[in-house]
Amino acid sequence: MDDQKQVWLDFSKTISVDHIKKSFHNPSTFQAEFNSILQNIVEKNNFSSAIEIGCEAGINLMLLSRYVKKSTFFDYDDTILEKVKLATDGLKLENCEFICEDMFVMGSIEDETYDLVFNSGVIEHYTKDVRTAATKSYARITKKGGYVIIAYPNHHSLPYRLSYLMGRAIGKSVWPFPKEYKFYSMKDEMTAAGLEFLTRTTVDRFTIFNRWINRYKITRGFFLFLDKFCHFGGYLTICIAKKPA
């Protein structure tokens, strides 16, 4: 995990405040579709507080912030949090707070603080035992009746899986991120954390046909043809669980 931490610290240095602002105004497809699900849950359950754990640039929570009264951006990298704060100030987003800590401890956060605890693009870099420990930490700070939502790349979608394997084989110049583990669902980890697992879904089919190896006409055409028979799942897997009241 120490090596992984340094990789993310190095990657975060490449993210500018202007980039964060531009991403807020022009989110990627998976960010927009993920936000639609988060927004629906917040409005349906009348939630007022949310925390994004391992937020990095914080785009997901920025998009959601207008629908809650309290938005907490959480990451272990203080430099990226400083950039996110500058971006939220510049965008005039209200009721934002920032916490720099380890997600496996979160000692400054009391039990049952948030209605919604979520992240995206974090958990896939850990083994099942570590994923379980992280989910238990998420569950601790979730209010009774609140939701824990975890999103990660869908390695069960062949176009993404091949893109990942080819990118890793070529090297960091193509795939500069830590190793990703292939797993279908977070049901076991969420259940072990005392949560009620509700559903698994996937979003963003656009990305699997338009990024990575599929940005090239030949490979995109090949997978679009196969899709007529296979109907590949979207790029982002989303697992949703509820903390029993």
C-alpha atoms as a PDB file:
ATOM      1  CA  MET A   1       0.000   0.000   0.000  1.00  0.00           C
ATOM      2  CA  ASP A   2       2.963   2.325   0.642  1.00  0.00           C
ATOM      3  CA  ASP A   3       4.108   1.973  -2.978  1.00  0.00           C
ATOM      4  CA  GLN A   4       0.558   2.614  -4.156  1.00  0.00           C
ATOM      5  CA  LYS A   5       0.348   5.730  -2.026  1.00  0.00           C
ATOM      6  CA  GLN A   6       3.418   7.199  -3.687  1.00  0.00           C
ATOM      7  CA  VAL A   7       2.018   6.444  -7.146  1.00  0.00           C
ATOM      8  CA  TRP A   8      -1.128   8.428  -6.316  1.00  0.00           C
ATOM      9  CA  LEU A   9       0.845  11.253  -4.746  1.00  0.00           C
ATOM     10  CA  ASP A  10       2.891  11.523  -7.928  1.00  0.00           C
ATOM     11  CA  PHE A  11      -0.198  11.378 -10.130  1.00  0.00           C
ATOM     12  CA  SER A  12      -1.994  14.054  -8.104  1.00  0.00           C
ATOM     13  CA  LYS A  13       0.877  16.450  -8.795  1.00  0.00           C
ATOM     14  CA  THR A  14      -0.189  16.444 -12.455  1.00  0.00           C
ATOM     15  CA  ILE A  15      -3.701  17.696 -11.594  1.00  0.00           C
ATOM     16  CA  SER A  16      -4.153  21.462 -11.647  1.00  0.00           C
ATOM     17  CA  VAL A  17      -6.899  23.623 -10.152  1.00  0.00           C
ATOM     18  CA  ASP A  18      -7.923  24.676 -13.664  1.00  0.00           C
ATOM     19  CA  HIS A  19      -8.214  21.023 -14.681  1.00  0.00           C
ATOM     20  CA  ILE A  20     -10.492  20.340 -11.723  1.00  0.00           C
ATOM     21  CA  LYS A  21     -12.727  23.285 -12.640  1.00  0.00           C
ATOM     22  CA  LYS A  22     -12.910  22.202 -16.280  1.00  0.00           C
ATOM     23  CA  SER A  23     -13.775  18.637 -15.233  1.00  0.00           C
ATOM     24  CA  PHE A  24     -16.572  19.966 -13.054  1.00  0.00           C
ATOM     25  CA  HIS A  25     -18.093  21.800 -16.015  1.00  0.00           C
ATOM     26  CA  ASN A  26     -17.388  18.923 -18.429  1.00  0.00           C
ATOM     27  CA  PRO A  27     -17.449  15.670 -16.432  1.00  0.00           C
ATOM     28  CA  SER A  28     -16.610  12.370 -18.069  1.00  0.00           C
ATOM     29  CA  THR A  29     -19.467  10.061 -18.997  1.00  0.00           C
ATOM     30  CA  PHE A  30     -18.926   7.779 -16.014  1.00  0.00           C
ATOM     31  CA  GLN A  31     -18.818  10.736 -13.627  1.00  0.00           C
ATOM     32  CA  ALA A  32     -22.075  12.121 -15.015  1.00  0.00           C
ATOM     33  CA  GLU A  33     -23.861   8.757 -14.928  1.00  0.00           C
ATOM     34  CA  PHE A  34     -22.526   7.953 -11.456  1.00  0.00           C
ATOM     35  CA  ASN A  35     -23.689  11.354 -10.224  1.00  0.00           C
ATOM     36  CA  SER A  36     -27.170  10.670 -11.577  1.00  0.00           C
ATOM     37  CA  ILE A  37     -27.397   7.583  -9.366  1.00  0.00           C
ATOM     38  CA  LEU A  38     -26.003   9.409  -6.317  1.00  0.00           C
ATOM     39  CA  GLN A  39     -28.376  12.334  -6.838  1.00  0.00           C
ATOM     40  CA  ASN A  40     -31.384  10.047  -7.141  1.00  0.00           C
ATOM     41  CA  ILE A  41     -30.529   8.275  -3.863  1.00  0.00           C
ATOM     42  CA  VAL A  42     -29.917  11.556  -2.039  1.00  0.00           C
ATOM     43  CA  GLU A  43     -33.230  13.052  -3.177  1.00  0.00           C
ATOM     44  CA  LYS A  44     -35.239   9.860  -2.670  1.00  0.00           C
ATOM     45  CA  ASN A  45     -33.995   9.448   0.917  1.00  0.00           C
ATOM     46  CA  ASN A  46     -33.793  13.148   1.776  1.00  0.00           C
ATOM     47  CA  PHE A  47     -30.107  12.834   2.664  1.00  0.00           C
ATOM     48  CA  SER A  48     -28.290  15.972   3.785  1.00  0.00           C
ATOM     49  CA  SER A  49     -24.643  14.878   4.172  1.00  0.00           C
ATOM     50  CA  ALA A  50     -22.133  13.045   1.988  1.00  0.00           C
ATOM     51  CA  ILE A  51     -18.433  12.171   2.092  1.00  0.00           C
ATOM     52  CA  GLU A  52     -16.265  11.039  -0.819  1.00  0.00           C
ATOM     53  CA  ILE A  53     -13.419   8.901   0.510  1.00  0.00           C
ATOM     54  CA  GLY A  54     -10.272   8.973  -1.592  1.00  0.00           C
ATOM     55  CA  CYS A  55     -11.753  11.875  -3.496  1.00  0.00           C
ATOM     56  CA  GLU A  56      -8.594  12.942  -5.374  1.00  0.00           C
ATOM     57  CA  ALA A  57      -9.897  15.724  -7.689  1.00  0.00           C
ATOM     58  CA  GLY A  58     -13.309  15.480  -6.027  1.00  0.00           C
ATOM     59  CA  ILE A  59     -15.421  15.805  -9.171  1.00  0.00           C
ATOM     60  CA  ASN A  60     -18.052  13.308  -8.032  1.00  0.00           C
ATOM     61  CA  LEU A  61     -18.774  15.137  -4.804  1.00  0.00           C
ATOM     62  CA  MET A  62     -18.586  18.546  -6.449  1.00  0.00           C
ATOM     63  CA  LEU A  63     -21.348  17.484  -8.821  1.00  0.00           C
ATOM     64  CA  LEU A  64     -23.387  16.185  -5.896  1.00  0.00           C
ATOM     65  CA  SER A  65     -22.716  19.084  -3.516  1.00  0.00           C
ATOM     66  CA  ARG A  66     -25.647  21.203  -4.684  1.00  0.00           C
ATOM     67  CA  TYR A  67     -28.025  18.472  -3.465  1.00  0.00           C
ATOM     68  CA  VAL A  68     -26.701  18.107   0.102  1.00  0.00           C
ATOM     69  CA  LYS A  69     -26.075  20.501   2.968  1.00  0.00           C
ATOM     70  CA  LYS A  70     -22.692  19.053   3.948  1.00  0.00           C
ATOM     71  CA  SER A  71     -20.009  17.805   1.550  1.00  0.00           C
ATOM     72  CA  THR A  72     -16.781  16.316   2.906  1.00  0.00           C
ATOM     73  CA  PHE A  73     -13.801  15.744   0.607  1.00  0.00           C
ATOM     74  CA  PHE A  74     -11.553  13.083   2.162  1.00  0.00           C
ATOM     75  CA  ASP A  75      -8.091  12.029   0.959  1.00  0.00           C
ATOM     76  CA  TYR A  76      -4.670  11.186   2.386  1.00  0.00           C
ATOM     77  CA  ASP A  77      -2.997  13.696   0.064  1.00  0.00           C
ATOM     78  CA  ASP A  78      -3.076  17.187   1.550  1.00  0.00           C
ATOM     79  CA  THR A  79      -1.764  18.778  -1.648  1.00  0.00           C
ATOM     80  CA  ILE A  80      -4.662  17.526  -3.776  1.00  0.00           C
ATOM     81  CA  LEU A  81      -7.126  18.615  -1.077  1.00  0.00           C
ATOM     82  CA  GLU A  82      -5.635  22.108  -1.217  1.00  0.00           C
ATOM     83  CA  LYS A  83      -6.279  22.175  -4.968  1.00  0.00           C
ATOM     84  CA  VAL A  84      -9.824  20.880  -4.509  1.00  0.00           C
ATOM     85  CA  LYS A  85     -10.489  23.601  -1.944  1.00  0.00           C
ATOM     86  CA  LEU A  86      -9.249  26.277  -4.326  1.00  0.00           C
ATOM     87  CA  ALA A  87     -11.479  24.823  -7.035  1.00  0.00           C
ATOM     88  CA  THR A  88     -14.588  24.676  -4.848  1.00  0.00           C
ATOM     89  CA  ASP A  89     -13.959  28.228  -3.666  1.00  0.00           C
ATOM     90  CA  GLY A  90     -13.578  29.388  -7.249  1.00  0.00           C
ATOM     91  CA  LEU A  91     -16.739  27.561  -8.274  1.00  0.00           C
ATOM     92  CA  LYS A  92     -18.548  29.031  -5.258  1.00  0.00           C
ATOM     93  CA  LEU A  93     -19.647  25.630  -3.974  1.00  0.00           C
ATOM     94  CA  GLU A  94     -21.001  25.924  -0.445  1.00  0.00           C
ATOM     95  CA  ASN A  95     -20.833  23.815   2.725  1.00  0.00           C
ATOM     96  CA  CYS A  96     -17.638  22.000   1.753  1.00  0.00           C
ATOM     97  CA  GLU A  97     -15.121  20.651   4.225  1.00  0.00           C
ATOM     98  CA  PHE A  98     -11.823  18.833   3.762  1.00  0.00           C
ATOM     99  CA  ILE A  99     -10.224  16.039   5.791  1.00  0.00           C
ATOM    100  CA  CYS A 100      -6.735  14.625   5.239  1.00  0.00           C
ATOM    101  CA  GLU A 101      -6.482  11.186   6.831  1.00  0.00           C
ATOM    102  CA  ASP A 102      -6.109   7.454   6.244  1.00  0.00           C
ATOM    103  CA  MET A 103      -9.402   5.874   5.113  1.00  0.00           C
ATOM    104  CA  PHE A 104      -8.763   2.800   7.240  1.00  0.00           C
ATOM    105  CA  VAL A 105      -8.797   4.891  10.417  1.00  0.00           C
ATOM    106  CA  MET A 106     -10.691   8.161   9.929  1.00  0.00           C
ATOM    107  CA  GLY A 107     -10.098   8.921  13.596  1.00  0.00           C
ATOM    108  CA  SER A 108     -11.415  12.480  13.404  1.00  0.00           C
ATOM    109  CA  ILE A 109     -14.834  11.301  12.197  1.00  0.00           C
ATOM    110  CA  GLU A 110     -17.339  10.060  14.744  1.00  0.00           C
ATOM    111  CA  ASP A 111     -19.549   7.017  14.265  1.00  0.00           C
ATOM    112  CA  GLU A 112     -22.695   7.490  12.171  1.00  0.00           C
ATOM    113  CA  THR A 113     -21.844  10.957  10.853  1.00  0.00           C
ATOM    114  CA  TYR A 114     -22.898  10.780   7.183  1.00  0.00           C
ATOM    115  CA  ASP A 115     -26.021   9.821   5.271  1.00  0.00           C
ATOM    116  CA  LEU A 116     -23.995   8.839   2.224  1.00  0.00           C
ATOM    117  CA  VAL A 117     -20.456   7.452   2.127  1.00  0.00           C
ATOM    118  CA  PHE A 118     -19.022   6.717  -1.295  1.00  0.00           C
ATOM    119  CA  ASN A 119     -16.015   6.523  -3.550  1.00  0.00           C
ATOM    120  CA  SER A 120     -15.074   5.659  -7.102  1.00  0.00           C
ATOM    121  CA  GLY A 121     -11.830   4.333  -8.512  1.00  0.00           C
ATOM    122  CA  VAL A 122     -10.301   3.474  -5.137  1.00  0.00           C
ATOM    123  CA  ILE A 123     -11.233   0.006  -3.910  1.00  0.00           C
ATOM    124  CA  GLU A 124     -10.088  -1.940  -7.004  1.00  0.00           C
ATOM    125  CA  HIS A 125      -6.461  -1.459  -5.993  1.00  0.00           C
ATOM    126  CA  TYR A 126      -6.785  -3.635  -2.881  1.00  0.00           C
ATOM    127  CA  THR A 127      -7.101  -7.332  -2.057  1.00  0.00           C
ATOM    128  CA  LYS A 128     -10.375  -8.687  -0.695  1.00  0.00           C
ATOM    129  CA  ASP A 129      -9.199  -8.616   2.933  1.00  0.00           C
ATOM    130  CA  VAL A 130      -8.174  -4.979   2.597  1.00  0.00           C
ATOM    131  CA  ARG A 131     -11.402  -4.118   0.748  1.00  0.00           C
ATOM    132  CA  THR A 132     -13.332  -5.609   3.650  1.00  0.00           C
ATOM    133  CA  ALA A 133     -11.379  -3.570   6.198  1.00  0.00           C
ATOM    134  CA  ALA A 134     -12.001  -0.401   4.193  1.00  0.00           C
ATOM    135  CA  THR A 135     -15.726  -1.120   3.888  1.00  0.00           C
ATOM    136  CA  LYS A 136     -16.008  -1.658   7.640  1.00  0.00           C
ATOM    137  CA  SER A 137     -14.418   1.755   8.102  1.00  0.00           C
ATOM    138  CA  TYR A 138     -16.944   3.274   5.689  1.00  0.00           C
ATOM    139  CA  ALA A 139     -19.827   1.566   7.471  1.00  0.00           C
ATOM    140  CA  ARG A 140     -18.733   2.899  10.855  1.00  0.00           C
ATOM    141  CA  ILE A 141     -19.175   6.527   9.844  1.00  0.00           C
ATOM    142  CA  THR A 142     -22.477   5.906   8.018  1.00  0.00           C
ATOM    143  CA  LYS A 143     -25.718   6.781   9.786  1.00  0.00           C
ATOM    144  CA  LYS A 144     -28.309   4.071  10.388  1.00  0.00           C
ATOM    145  CA  GLY A 145     -30.460   3.991   7.287  1.00  0.00           C
ATOM    146  CA  GLY A 146     -27.654   5.607   5.278  1.00  0.00           C
ATOM    147  CA  TYR A 147     -25.953   4.247   2.179  1.00  0.00           C
ATOM    148  CA  VAL A 148     -22.455   3.067   1.304  1.00  0.00           C
ATOM    149  CA  ILE A 149     -21.789   3.154  -2.440  1.00  0.00           C
ATOM    150  CA  ILE A 150     -18.576   1.860  -3.987  1.00  0.00           C
ATOM    151  CA  ALA A 151     -17.717   2.167  -7.667  1.00  0.00           C
ATOM    152  CA  TYR A 152     -14.823   0.628  -9.575  1.00  0.00           C
ATOM    153  CA  PRO A 153     -13.805  -0.355 -13.138  1.00  0.00           C
ATOM    154  CA  ASN A 154     -15.675  -3.310 -14.596  1.00  0.00           C
ATOM    155  CA  HIS A 155     -13.043  -5.933 -15.406  1.00  0.00           C
ATOM    156  CA  HIS A 156     -15.860  -8.268 -16.453  1.00  0.00           C
ATOM    157  CA  SER A 157     -16.415  -6.080 -19.510  1.00  0.00           C
ATOM    158  CA  LEU A 158     -14.056  -7.528 -22.124  1.00  0.00           C
ATOM    159  CA  PRO A 159     -13.173  -4.238 -23.881  1.00  0.00           C
ATOM    160  CA  TYR A 160     -12.034  -2.710 -20.595  1.00  0.00           C
ATOM    161  CA  ARG A 161     -10.244  -5.861 -19.439  1.00  0.00           C
ATOM    162  CA  LEU A 162      -8.189  -6.081 -22.615  1.00  0.00           C
ATOM    163  CA  SER A 163      -7.423  -2.356 -22.482  1.00  0.00           C
ATOM    164  CA  TYR A 164      -6.186  -2.750 -18.913  1.00  0.00           C
ATOM    165  CA  LEU A 165      -4.014  -5.802 -19.667  1.00  0.00           C
ATOM    166  CA  MET A 166      -2.510  -4.226 -22.779  1.00  0.00           C
ATOM    167  CA  GLY A 167      -1.903  -0.931 -20.993  1.00  0.00           C
ATOM    168  CA  ARG A 168      -0.166  -2.638 -18.092  1.00  0.00           C
ATOM    169  CA  ALA A 169       1.974  -4.660 -20.499  1.00  0.00           C
ATOM    170  CA  ILE A 170       3.125  -1.537 -22.372  1.00  0.00           C
ATOM    171  CA  GLY A 171       4.056   0.281 -19.177  1.00  0.00           C
ATOM    172  CA  LYS A 172       3.465   3.341 -17.029  1.00  0.00           C
ATOM    173  CA  SER A 173       3.534   5.714 -19.979  1.00  0.00           C
ATOM    174  CA  VAL A 174       0.206   4.189 -21.040  1.00  0.00           C
ATOM    175  CA  TRP A 175      -1.193   2.968 -17.711  1.00  0.00           C
ATOM    176  CA  PRO A 176       0.314   5.023 -14.845  1.00  0.00           C
ATOM    177  CA  PHE A 177      -1.968   3.648 -12.135  1.00  0.00           C
ATOM    178  CA  PRO A 178      -1.428   0.909  -9.518  1.00  0.00           C
ATOM    179  CA  LYS A 179      -2.521  -2.680 -10.087  1.00  0.00           C
ATOM    180  CA  GLU A 180      -6.262  -3.344 -10.260  1.00  0.00           C
ATOM    181  CA  TYR A 181      -7.858  -6.528  -8.937  1.00  0.00           C
ATOM    182  CA  LYS A 182     -10.610  -8.243 -10.882  1.00  0.00           C
ATOM    183  CA  PHE A 183     -13.774  -8.918  -8.863  1.00  0.00           C
ATOM    184  CA  TYR A 184     -17.437  -8.930  -9.815  1.00  0.00           C
ATOM    185  CA  SER A 185     -19.192  -7.574  -6.745  1.00  0.00           C
ATOM    186  CA  MET A 186     -18.647  -6.052  -3.295  1.00  0.00           C
ATOM    187  CA  LYS A 187     -21.449  -8.126  -1.765  1.00  0.00           C
ATOM    188  CA  ASP A 188     -19.184 -10.205   0.494  1.00  0.00           C
ATOM    189  CA  GLU A 189     -17.221  -7.195   1.735  1.00  0.00           C
ATOM    190  CA  MET A 190     -20.351  -5.125   2.360  1.00  0.00           C
ATOM    191  CA  THR A 191     -22.120  -7.968   4.152  1.00  0.00           C
ATOM    192  CA  ALA A 192     -19.041  -8.559   6.334  1.00  0.00           C
ATOM    193  CA  ALA A 193     -19.201  -4.862   7.273  1.00  0.00           C
ATOM    194  CA  GLY A 194     -22.745  -5.304   8.604  1.00  0.00           C
ATOM    195  CA  LEU A 195     -24.388  -3.640   5.624  1.00  0.00           C
ATOM    196  CA  GLU A 196     -27.411  -4.791   3.662  1.00  0.00           C
ATOM    197  CA  PHE A 197     -26.290  -5.329   0.079  1.00  0.00           C
ATOM    198  CA  LEU A 198     -28.892  -3.886  -2.283  1.00  0.00           C
ATOM    199  CA  THR A 199     -27.656  -4.066  -5.853  1.00  0.00           C
ATOM    200  CA  ARG A 200     -24.847  -4.149  -8.376  1.00  0.00           C
ATOM    201  CA  THR A 201     -25.141  -2.232 -11.615  1.00  0.00           C
ATOM    202  CA  THR A 202     -22.889  -0.915 -14.368  1.00  0.00           C
ATOM    203  CA  VAL A 203     -22.893   2.400 -16.225  1.00  0.00           C
ATOM    204  CA  ASP A 204     -21.045   4.155 -19.035  1.00  0.00           C
ATOM    205  CA  ARG A 205     -20.935   1.983 -22.121  1.00  0.00           C
ATOM    206  CA  PHE A 206     -19.649   4.998 -24.058  1.00  0.00           C
ATOM    207  CA  THR A 207     -16.213   4.828 -22.450  1.00  0.00           C
ATOM    208  CA  ILE A 208     -15.530   1.173 -23.250  1.00  0.00           C
ATOM    209  CA  PHE A 209     -15.997   1.892 -26.962  1.00  0.00           C
ATOM    210  CA  ASN A 210     -14.195   5.240 -27.118  1.00  0.00           C
ATOM    211  CA  ARG A 211     -11.135   5.135 -24.845  1.00  0.00           C
ATOM    212  CA  TRP A 212      -7.932   3.127 -24.420  1.00  0.00           C
ATOM    213  CA  ILE A 213      -7.462   0.539 -27.181  1.00  0.00           C
ATOM    214  CA  ASN A 214     -10.928   1.302 -28.517  1.00  0.00           C
ATOM    215  CA  ARG A 215     -10.100   4.870 -29.429  1.00  0.00           C
ATOM    216  CA  TYR A 216      -8.761   3.361 -32.651  1.00  0.00           C
ATOM    217  CA  LYS A 217     -11.246   2.819 -35.445  1.00  0.00           C
ATOM    218  CA  ILE A 218     -10.347  -0.826 -36.075  1.00  0.00           C
ATOM    219  CA  THR A 219     -10.598  -2.050 -32.480  1.00  0.00           C
ATOM    220  CA  ARG A 220     -13.681   0.077 -31.800  1.00  0.00           C
ATOM    221  CA  GLY A 221     -15.395  -1.390 -34.841  1.00  0.00           C
ATOM    222  CA  PHE A 222     -14.431  -4.913 -33.762  1.00  0.00           C
ATOM    223  CA  PHE A 223     -15.900  -4.539 -30.278  1.00  0.00           C
ATOM    224  CA  LEU A 224     -19.001  -2.767 -31.565  1.00  0.00           C
ATOM    225  CA  PHE A 225     -19.588  -5.764 -33.827  1.00  0.00           C
ATOM    226  CA  LEU A 226     -19.088  -8.227 -30.952  1.00  0.00           C
ATOM    227  CA  ASP A 227     -21.374  -6.124 -28.785  1.00  0.00           C
ATOM    228  CA  LYS A 228     -24.313  -7.046 -31.022  1.00  0.00           C
ATOM    229  CA  PHE A 229     -24.007 -10.566 -29.633  1.00  0.00           C
ATOM    230  CA  CYS A 230     -22.318 -10.080 -26.223  1.00  0.00           C
ATOM    231  CA  HIS A 231     -23.778  -6.736 -25.062  1.00  0.00           C
ATOM    232  CA  PHE A 232     -20.753  -5.746 -22.989  1.00  0.00           C
ATOM    233  CA  GLY A 233     -21.270  -4.209 -19.556  1.00  0.00           C
ATOM    234  CA  GLY A 234     -20.384  -0.566 -18.975  1.00  0.00           C
ATOM    235  CA  TYR A 235     -17.049   0.711 -17.742  1.00  0.00           C
ATOM    236  CA  LEU A 236     -18.058   1.467 -14.150  1.00  0.00           C
ATOM    237  CA  THR A 237     -19.416  -1.081 -11.673  1.00  0.00           C
ATOM    238  CA  ILE A 238     -21.477   0.389  -8.825  1.00  0.00           C
ATOM    239  CA  CYS A 239     -22.343  -1.566  -5.665  1.00  0.00           C
ATOM    240  CA  ILE A 240     -24.951  -0.104  -3.327  1.00  0.00           C
ATOM    241  CA  ALA A 241     -25.548  -1.100   0.295  1.00  0.00           C
ATOM    242  CA  LYS A 242     -27.608   0.247   3.183  1.00  0.00           C
ATOM    243  CA  LYS A 243     -26.776   0.397   6.875  1.00  0.00           C
ATOM    244  CA  PRO A 244     -29.639  -1.229   8.807  1.00  0.00           C
ATOM    245  CA  ALA A 245     -31.709   1.189  10.872  1.00  0.00           C
END
